[in-house]
Amino acid sequence: MSNAFAAYRRSDLEAVGWFGERRIMCEDVAVAARLLLEGRRIRYVAESMVVHAHRAGFSDELRRYFDIGSAHANDRWIVEAFGQPGRDGRPYIGFGSRRLQEMGRGRLIPAFLAQGVAKRAAFALGRRHAWMPVAVRRALSSLPTWWQVTSSA
């Protein structure tokens, strides 16, 4: 689920408390989970087209994955209701590596693999953020001021 690419019925959002309490990230996942638990349906429409892009560097991506991991840790109820995140990274790494090879850019595969490992590590650190001092959380996050206000999250 991605709120950058989603459309909601106002009545459904209102019924589940809109986007809920304050969270660092993944409010889209939380609202989708609440909608499903309330018996509502979510539809994937492959024909939809959205233009949405970020020019994120490597460190920006790592900070984002730290925040996603933190959101998963803070919303344990989603994992309890729907299970742990899947292993989608492995097929993605395989596809990306094959695609780079097909494009004649095989020399980029080691950097692509390293980036995948680094994202997974940042996600894992985020899931363990509760053990870190607030200053470390702020240093690793793409949203450092969030931790300033919510130091106990």
N, C-alpha and C. Protein backbone atom coordinates (compact mmCIF):
# COMPACT_ATOMS: atom_id res chain seq x y z
N MET A 1 0.86 -1.18 0.00
CA MET A 1 0.00 0.00 0.00
C MET A 1 0.90 1.24 0.00
N SER A 2 0.51 2.21 -0.74
CA SER A 2 1.27 3.45 -0.77
C SER A 2 0.31 4.62 -0.86
N ASN A 3 0.38 5.52 0.11
CA ASN A 3 -0.55 6.65 0.09
C ASN A 3 -0.27 7.60 -1.07
N ALA A 4 0.91 7.54 -1.65
CA ALA A 4 1.19 8.38 -2.80
C ALA A 4 0.42 7.91 -4.03
N PHE A 5 -0.05 6.67 -4.00
CA PHE A 5 -0.73 6.09 -5.14
C PHE A 5 -2.15 5.62 -4.80
N ALA A 6 -2.70 6.06 -3.70
CA ALA A 6 -3.98 5.53 -3.23
C ALA A 6 -5.10 6.55 -3.33
N ALA A 7 -6.29 6.02 -3.49
CA ALA A 7 -7.51 6.82 -3.42
C ALA A 7 -8.41 6.11 -2.40
N TYR A 8 -9.03 6.88 -1.55
CA TYR A 8 -9.85 6.31 -0.48
C TYR A 8 -11.27 6.86 -0.56
N ARG A 9 -12.20 6.06 -0.12
CA ARG A 9 -13.55 6.57 0.10
C ARG A 9 -13.52 7.32 1.43
N ARG A 10 -14.00 8.51 1.41
CA ARG A 10 -14.01 9.33 2.62
C ARG A 10 -14.74 8.61 3.76
N SER A 11 -15.87 7.99 3.46
CA SER A 11 -16.65 7.31 4.49
C SER A 11 -15.87 6.15 5.12
N ASP A 12 -15.07 5.44 4.32
CA ASP A 12 -14.27 4.34 4.86
C ASP A 12 -13.15 4.87 5.76
N LEU A 13 -12.48 5.92 5.32
CA LEU A 13 -11.43 6.52 6.15
C LEU A 13 -12.00 7.01 7.47
N GLU A 14 -13.12 7.69 7.39
CA GLU A 14 -13.76 8.21 8.59
C GLU A 14 -14.14 7.07 9.54
N ALA A 15 -14.63 5.97 8.99
CA ALA A 15 -15.06 4.83 9.80
C ALA A 15 -13.92 4.18 10.58
N VAL A 16 -12.69 4.26 10.06
CA VAL A 16 -11.55 3.64 10.76
C VAL A 16 -10.69 4.68 11.48
N GLY A 17 -11.17 5.90 11.60
CA GLY A 17 -10.41 6.91 12.34
C GLY A 17 -9.35 7.61 11.52
N TRP A 18 -9.65 7.77 10.24
CA TRP A 18 -8.74 8.45 9.32
C TRP A 18 -7.39 7.74 9.31
N PHE A 19 -6.31 8.46 9.43
CA PHE A 19 -4.99 7.82 9.40
C PHE A 19 -4.46 7.50 10.78
N GLY A 20 -5.30 7.66 11.79
CA GLY A 20 -4.93 7.21 13.13
C GLY A 20 -3.96 8.12 13.85
N GLU A 21 -3.35 7.53 14.83
CA GLU A 21 -2.42 8.28 15.68
C GLU A 21 -1.17 8.67 14.90
N ARG A 22 -0.41 9.55 15.51
CA ARG A 22 0.82 10.06 14.90
C ARG A 22 1.83 8.93 14.77
N ARG A 23 2.39 8.77 13.59
CA ARG A 23 3.42 7.75 13.37
C ARG A 23 4.48 8.32 12.44
N ILE A 24 5.67 7.77 12.53
CA ILE A 24 6.79 8.30 11.75
C ILE A 24 6.60 8.07 10.25
N MET A 25 6.02 6.94 9.89
CA MET A 25 5.89 6.58 8.49
C MET A 25 4.90 5.42 8.39
N CYS A 26 4.54 5.06 7.20
CA CYS A 26 3.68 3.90 6.92
C CYS A 26 2.26 4.08 7.40
N GLU A 27 1.78 5.31 7.44
CA GLU A 27 0.38 5.55 7.80
C GLU A 27 -0.55 4.91 6.78
N ASP A 28 -0.08 4.78 5.56
CA ASP A 28 -0.86 4.12 4.52
C ASP A 28 -1.05 2.64 4.82
N VAL A 29 -0.02 1.99 5.31
CA VAL A 29 -0.11 0.57 5.68
C VAL A 29 -1.06 0.41 6.86
N ALA A 30 -0.97 1.29 7.84
CA ALA A 30 -1.83 1.20 9.03
C ALA A 30 -3.30 1.39 8.65
N VAL A 31 -3.60 2.36 7.80
CA VAL A 31 -5.00 2.56 7.42
C VAL A 31 -5.49 1.40 6.57
N ALA A 32 -4.66 0.85 5.70
CA ALA A 32 -5.07 -0.31 4.90
C ALA A 32 -5.35 -1.50 5.80
N ALA A 33 -4.52 -1.70 6.80
CA ALA A 33 -4.73 -2.81 7.74
C ALA A 33 -6.05 -2.63 8.50
N ARG A 34 -6.32 -1.41 8.96
CA ARG A 34 -7.58 -1.17 9.67
C ARG A 34 -8.78 -1.37 8.76
N LEU A 35 -8.67 -0.93 7.52
CA LEU A 35 -9.77 -1.12 6.57
C LEU A 35 -10.04 -2.61 6.36
N LEU A 36 -8.99 -3.40 6.17
CA LEU A 36 -9.17 -4.84 5.98
C LEU A 36 -9.76 -5.50 7.22
N LEU A 37 -9.28 -5.11 8.40
CA LEU A 37 -9.80 -5.69 9.64
C LEU A 37 -11.27 -5.32 9.87
N GLU A 38 -11.68 -4.20 9.30
CA GLU A 38 -13.08 -3.76 9.41
C GLU A 38 -13.97 -4.39 8.34
N GLY A 39 -13.37 -5.25 7.51
CA GLY A 39 -14.16 -5.93 6.49
C GLY A 39 -14.27 -5.19 5.18
N ARG A 40 -13.56 -4.10 5.05
CA ARG A 40 -13.58 -3.37 3.78
C ARG A 40 -12.57 -3.99 2.83
N ARG A 41 -12.68 -3.65 1.56
CA ARG A 41 -11.80 -4.22 0.55
C ARG A 41 -10.83 -3.18 0.00
N ILE A 42 -9.71 -3.69 -0.46
CA ILE A 42 -8.70 -2.85 -1.12
C ILE A 42 -8.51 -3.43 -2.51
N ARG A 43 -8.44 -2.58 -3.48
CA ARG A 43 -8.29 -3.04 -4.85
C ARG A 43 -6.99 -2.49 -5.44
N TYR A 44 -6.26 -3.35 -6.10
CA TYR A 44 -5.09 -2.95 -6.86
C TYR A 44 -5.52 -2.76 -8.31
N VAL A 45 -5.25 -1.61 -8.86
CA VAL A 45 -5.65 -1.31 -10.23
C VAL A 45 -4.37 -1.08 -11.04
N ALA A 46 -3.95 -2.11 -11.73
CA ALA A 46 -2.68 -2.07 -12.46
C ALA A 46 -2.65 -1.01 -13.56
N GLU A 47 -3.82 -0.69 -14.10
CA GLU A 47 -3.86 0.27 -15.21
C GLU A 47 -3.67 1.70 -14.74
N SER A 48 -3.78 1.94 -13.46
CA SER A 48 -3.62 3.30 -12.93
C SER A 48 -2.20 3.79 -13.17
N MET A 49 -2.11 5.08 -13.42
CA MET A 49 -0.79 5.66 -13.62
C MET A 49 -0.63 6.87 -12.72
N VAL A 50 0.50 6.92 -12.05
CA VAL A 50 0.82 8.02 -11.15
C VAL A 50 2.27 8.42 -11.41
N VAL A 51 2.52 9.70 -11.46
CA VAL A 51 3.89 10.18 -11.56
C VAL A 51 4.28 10.65 -10.17
N HIS A 52 5.27 9.99 -9.61
CA HIS A 52 5.71 10.31 -8.24
C HIS A 52 7.17 9.90 -8.16
N ALA A 53 8.04 10.82 -7.86
CA ALA A 53 9.46 10.50 -7.83
C ALA A 53 10.18 11.31 -6.77
N HIS A 54 11.24 10.72 -6.29
CA HIS A 54 12.13 11.39 -5.35
C HIS A 54 13.55 11.22 -5.87
N ARG A 55 14.32 12.23 -5.76
CA ARG A 55 15.74 12.11 -6.09
C ARG A 55 16.47 11.83 -4.80
N ALA A 56 16.46 10.58 -4.41
CA ALA A 56 17.06 10.20 -3.14
C ALA A 56 18.43 9.57 -3.37
N GLY A 57 19.39 10.04 -2.60
CA GLY A 57 20.71 9.43 -2.64
C GLY A 57 20.75 8.19 -1.77
N PHE A 58 21.89 7.54 -1.76
CA PHE A 58 22.06 6.30 -1.00
C PHE A 58 21.77 6.50 0.49
N SER A 59 22.31 7.55 1.08
CA SER A 59 22.09 7.78 2.52
C SER A 59 20.62 8.12 2.80
N ASP A 60 19.96 8.81 1.86
CA ASP A 60 18.53 9.11 2.01
C ASP A 60 17.71 7.81 2.05
N GLU A 61 18.06 6.88 1.17
CA GLU A 61 17.36 5.59 1.13
C GLU A 61 17.56 4.82 2.44
N LEU A 62 18.77 4.83 2.96
CA LEU A 62 19.03 4.11 4.21
C LEU A 62 18.25 4.73 5.36
N ARG A 63 18.17 6.04 5.41
CA ARG A 63 17.39 6.71 6.45
C ARG A 63 15.91 6.36 6.32
N ARG A 64 15.43 6.32 5.11
CA ARG A 64 14.02 5.97 4.87
C ARG A 64 13.74 4.55 5.35
N TYR A 65 14.64 3.62 5.06
CA TYR A 65 14.43 2.24 5.50
C TYR A 65 14.53 2.10 7.02
N PHE A 66 15.36 2.91 7.66
CA PHE A 66 15.39 2.94 9.12
C PHE A 66 14.01 3.36 9.64
N ASP A 67 13.45 4.39 9.05
CA ASP A 67 12.13 4.88 9.48
C ASP A 67 11.03 3.84 9.23
N ILE A 68 11.10 3.15 8.11
CA ILE A 68 10.12 2.10 7.83
C ILE A 68 10.22 0.99 8.88
N GLY A 69 11.44 0.60 9.21
CA GLY A 69 11.63 -0.41 10.25
C GLY A 69 11.09 0.06 11.59
N SER A 70 11.29 1.33 11.90
CA SER A 70 10.76 1.90 13.14
C SER A 70 9.24 1.86 13.15
N ALA A 71 8.64 2.19 12.02
CA ALA A 71 7.18 2.16 11.93
C ALA A 71 6.66 0.74 12.15
N HIS A 72 7.34 -0.24 11.58
CA HIS A 72 6.93 -1.64 11.79
C HIS A 72 7.03 -2.02 13.26
N ALA A 73 8.07 -1.57 13.92
CA ALA A 73 8.23 -1.88 15.35
C ALA A 73 7.15 -1.20 16.18
N ASN A 74 6.78 0.01 15.83
CA ASN A 74 5.78 0.75 16.60
C ASN A 74 4.36 0.26 16.35
N ASP A 75 4.13 -0.36 15.21
CA ASP A 75 2.79 -0.87 14.88
C ASP A 75 2.80 -2.40 14.86
N ARG A 76 3.17 -3.00 15.97
CA ARG A 76 3.26 -4.47 16.05
C ARG A 76 1.92 -5.14 15.76
N TRP A 77 0.83 -4.44 16.00
CA TRP A 77 -0.49 -5.02 15.78
C TRP A 77 -0.69 -5.42 14.32
N ILE A 78 -0.02 -4.72 13.40
CA ILE A 78 -0.15 -5.07 11.99
C ILE A 78 0.51 -6.42 11.72
N VAL A 79 1.70 -6.61 12.28
CA VAL A 79 2.41 -7.89 12.12
C VAL A 79 1.60 -9.00 12.78
N GLU A 80 1.02 -8.73 13.96
CA GLU A 80 0.21 -9.74 14.63
C GLU A 80 -1.01 -10.13 13.80
N ALA A 81 -1.60 -9.16 13.12
CA ALA A 81 -2.80 -9.43 12.33
C ALA A 81 -2.49 -10.03 10.96
N PHE A 82 -1.37 -9.63 10.34
CA PHE A 82 -1.11 -10.02 8.95
C PHE A 82 0.19 -10.77 8.74
N GLY A 83 1.02 -10.89 9.77
CA GLY A 83 2.29 -11.60 9.64
C GLY A 83 3.45 -10.67 9.32
N GLN A 84 4.63 -11.25 9.40
CA GLN A 84 5.87 -10.51 9.13
C GLN A 84 5.92 -10.08 7.66
N PRO A 85 6.66 -9.00 7.38
CA PRO A 85 6.85 -8.63 5.97
C PRO A 85 7.47 -9.80 5.22
N GLY A 86 7.10 -9.94 3.96
CA GLY A 86 7.58 -11.05 3.14
C GLY A 86 9.04 -10.92 2.78
N ARG A 87 9.48 -11.85 2.01
CA ARG A 87 10.86 -11.87 1.54
C ARG A 87 10.94 -11.35 0.10
N ASP A 88 10.26 -10.24 -0.15
CA ASP A 88 10.22 -9.69 -1.50
C ASP A 88 11.57 -9.18 -1.97
N GLY A 89 12.48 -8.97 -1.06
CA GLY A 89 13.79 -8.45 -1.43
C GLY A 89 14.59 -9.41 -2.29
N ARG A 90 14.49 -10.69 -2.01
CA ARG A 90 15.27 -11.67 -2.77
C ARG A 90 14.87 -11.70 -4.25
N PRO A 91 13.59 -11.82 -4.56
CA PRO A 91 13.23 -11.77 -5.99
C PRO A 91 13.61 -10.44 -6.65
N TYR A 92 13.49 -9.35 -5.89
CA TYR A 92 13.85 -8.03 -6.41
C TYR A 92 15.34 -7.99 -6.76
N ILE A 93 16.17 -8.50 -5.86
CA ILE A 93 17.62 -8.53 -6.10
C ILE A 93 17.93 -9.40 -7.32
N GLY A 94 17.27 -10.54 -7.42
CA GLY A 94 17.49 -11.41 -8.57
C GLY A 94 17.07 -10.75 -9.87
N PHE A 95 15.88 -10.16 -9.88
CA PHE A 95 15.39 -9.47 -11.07
C PHE A 95 16.31 -8.32 -11.45
N GLY A 96 16.67 -7.50 -10.46
CA GLY A 96 17.53 -6.35 -10.74
C GLY A 96 18.89 -6.75 -11.27
N SER A 97 19.46 -7.79 -10.71
CA SER A 97 20.77 -8.27 -11.18
C SER A 97 20.68 -8.78 -12.61
N ARG A 98 19.64 -9.58 -12.90
CA ARG A 98 19.46 -10.07 -14.27
C ARG A 98 19.25 -8.93 -15.24
N ARG A 99 18.45 -7.97 -14.82
CA ARG A 99 18.15 -6.82 -15.70
C ARG A 99 19.41 -6.02 -16.00
N LEU A 100 20.22 -5.78 -14.98
CA LEU A 100 21.48 -5.05 -15.20
C LEU A 100 22.38 -5.81 -16.17
N GLN A 101 22.43 -7.14 -16.01
CA GLN A 101 23.24 -7.96 -16.91
C GLN A 101 22.72 -7.87 -18.34
N GLU A 102 21.39 -7.97 -18.50
CA GLU A 102 20.78 -7.88 -19.84
C GLU A 102 21.06 -6.54 -20.50
N MET A 103 21.14 -5.49 -19.70
CA MET A 103 21.37 -4.15 -20.23
C MET A 103 22.85 -3.88 -20.49
N GLY A 104 23.70 -4.87 -20.23
CA GLY A 104 25.13 -4.68 -20.42
C GLY A 104 25.76 -3.84 -19.34
N ARG A 105 25.13 -3.80 -18.17
CA ARG A 105 25.64 -2.98 -17.07
C ARG A 105 25.97 -3.85 -15.86
N GLY A 106 26.48 -5.03 -16.15
CA GLY A 106 26.82 -5.99 -15.11
C GLY A 106 27.79 -5.46 -14.07
N ARG A 107 28.58 -4.50 -14.44
CA ARG A 107 29.54 -3.92 -13.48
C ARG A 107 28.83 -3.23 -12.32
N LEU A 108 27.55 -2.90 -12.49
CA LEU A 108 26.78 -2.24 -11.42
C LEU A 108 26.17 -3.23 -10.43
N ILE A 109 26.24 -4.52 -10.74
CA ILE A 109 25.61 -5.52 -9.87
C ILE A 109 26.17 -5.50 -8.45
N PRO A 110 27.48 -5.44 -8.23
CA PRO A 110 27.96 -5.40 -6.84
C PRO A 110 27.41 -4.22 -6.04
N ALA A 111 27.34 -3.05 -6.66
CA ALA A 111 26.78 -1.88 -5.96
C ALA A 111 25.29 -2.08 -5.69
N PHE A 112 24.58 -2.67 -6.65
CA PHE A 112 23.15 -2.95 -6.48
C PHE A 112 22.94 -3.93 -5.32
N LEU A 113 23.76 -4.97 -5.25
CA LEU A 113 23.66 -5.94 -4.15
C LEU A 113 23.99 -5.29 -2.81
N ALA A 114 25.03 -4.49 -2.79
CA ALA A 114 25.41 -3.80 -1.55
C ALA A 114 24.30 -2.87 -1.08
N GLN A 115 23.65 -2.20 -2.01
CA GLN A 115 22.55 -1.31 -1.64
C GLN A 115 21.40 -2.11 -1.04
N GLY A 116 21.10 -3.27 -1.61
CA GLY A 116 20.04 -4.13 -1.06
C GLY A 116 20.35 -4.60 0.35
N VAL A 117 21.58 -5.00 0.58
CA VAL A 117 22.00 -5.44 1.92
C VAL A 117 21.93 -4.27 2.90
N ALA A 118 22.37 -3.11 2.47
CA ALA A 118 22.35 -1.93 3.35
C ALA A 118 20.92 -1.53 3.71
N LYS A 119 20.00 -1.59 2.75
CA LYS A 119 18.60 -1.27 3.04
C LYS A 119 18.03 -2.24 4.06
N ARG A 120 18.34 -3.52 3.90
CA ARG A 120 17.85 -4.53 4.84
C ARG A 120 18.42 -4.28 6.24
N ALA A 121 19.68 -3.91 6.31
CA ALA A 121 20.31 -3.61 7.60
C ALA A 121 19.67 -2.37 8.25
N ALA A 122 19.40 -1.35 7.46
CA ALA A 122 18.77 -0.13 7.98
C ALA A 122 17.37 -0.44 8.51
N PHE A 123 16.62 -1.27 7.78
CA PHE A 123 15.29 -1.69 8.22
C PHE A 123 15.39 -2.43 9.55
N ALA A 124 16.35 -3.36 9.65
CA ALA A 124 16.54 -4.13 10.90
C ALA A 124 16.92 -3.22 12.06
N LEU A 125 17.76 -2.23 11.82
CA LEU A 125 18.11 -1.26 12.87
C LEU A 125 16.88 -0.47 13.31
N GLY A 126 16.08 -0.07 12.36
CA GLY A 126 14.85 0.66 12.68
C GLY A 126 13.92 -0.16 13.55
N ARG A 127 13.82 -1.44 13.27
CA ARG A 127 12.95 -2.31 14.08
C ARG A 127 13.46 -2.43 15.50
N ARG A 128 14.72 -2.13 15.71
CA ARG A 128 15.31 -2.21 17.05
C ARG A 128 15.59 -0.83 17.65
N HIS A 129 14.92 0.19 17.13
CA HIS A 129 15.19 1.57 17.54
C HIS A 129 14.95 1.81 19.02
N ALA A 130 14.08 1.06 19.65
CA ALA A 130 13.75 1.28 21.06
C ALA A 130 14.97 1.11 21.96
N TRP A 131 15.95 0.39 21.51
CA TRP A 131 17.16 0.15 22.31
C TRP A 131 18.20 1.27 22.12
N MET A 132 17.91 2.21 21.25
CA MET A 132 18.88 3.24 20.91
C MET A 132 18.57 4.55 21.61
N PRO A 133 19.60 5.29 21.97
CA PRO A 133 19.37 6.64 22.48
C PRO A 133 18.70 7.51 21.40
N VAL A 134 17.92 8.47 21.82
CA VAL A 134 17.21 9.35 20.89
C VAL A 134 18.18 10.01 19.91
N ALA A 135 19.35 10.40 20.37
CA ALA A 135 20.32 11.05 19.49
C ALA A 135 20.73 10.13 18.33
N VAL A 136 20.84 8.85 18.58
CA VAL A 136 21.19 7.90 17.52
C VAL A 136 20.02 7.73 16.56
N ARG A 137 18.82 7.63 17.11
CA ARG A 137 17.62 7.53 16.26
C ARG A 137 17.54 8.73 15.32
N ARG A 138 17.77 9.90 15.87
CA ARG A 138 17.69 11.13 15.06
C ARG A 138 18.75 11.12 13.97
N ALA A 139 19.94 10.62 14.29
CA ALA A 139 21.03 10.59 13.31
C ALA A 139 20.74 9.60 12.18
N LEU A 140 20.01 8.52 12.47
CA LEU A 140 19.74 7.49 11.47
C LEU A 140 18.46 7.74 10.67
N SER A 141 17.63 8.66 11.12
CA SER A 141 16.30 8.87 10.55
C SER A 141 16.28 9.93 9.45
N SER A 142 15.33 9.77 8.54
CA SER A 142 15.11 10.82 7.54
C SER A 142 14.23 11.93 8.11
N LEU A 143 13.66 11.68 9.27
CA LEU A 143 12.78 12.66 9.94
C LEU A 143 13.26 12.89 11.38
N PRO A 144 14.44 13.49 11.55
CA PRO A 144 15.02 13.60 12.90
C PRO A 144 14.17 14.38 13.89
N THR A 145 13.40 15.35 13.43
CA THR A 145 12.60 16.12 14.37
C THR A 145 11.43 15.30 14.93
N TRP A 146 11.03 14.26 14.23
CA TRP A 146 9.96 13.37 14.75
C TRP A 146 10.40 12.77 16.07
N TRP A 147 11.66 12.38 16.16
CA TRP A 147 12.18 11.75 17.38
C TRP A 147 12.31 12.76 18.50
N GLN A 148 12.51 13.99 18.15
CA GLN A 148 12.63 15.05 19.15
C GLN A 148 11.31 15.19 19.91
N VAL A 149 10.20 15.11 19.20
CA VAL A 149 8.88 15.24 19.79
C VAL A 149 8.43 13.93 20.43
N THR A 150 8.79 12.82 19.80
CA THR A 150 8.33 11.51 20.23
C THR A 150 9.51 10.67 20.69
N SER A 151 10.18 11.07 21.72
CA SER A 151 11.40 10.39 22.15
C SER A 151 11.12 8.98 22.67
N SER A 152 9.90 8.68 23.10
CA SER A 152 9.63 7.36 23.65
C SER A 152 9.15 6.37 22.61
N ALA A 153 8.97 6.79 21.36
CA ALA A 153 8.43 5.89 20.33
C ALA A 153 9.40 4.81 19.95
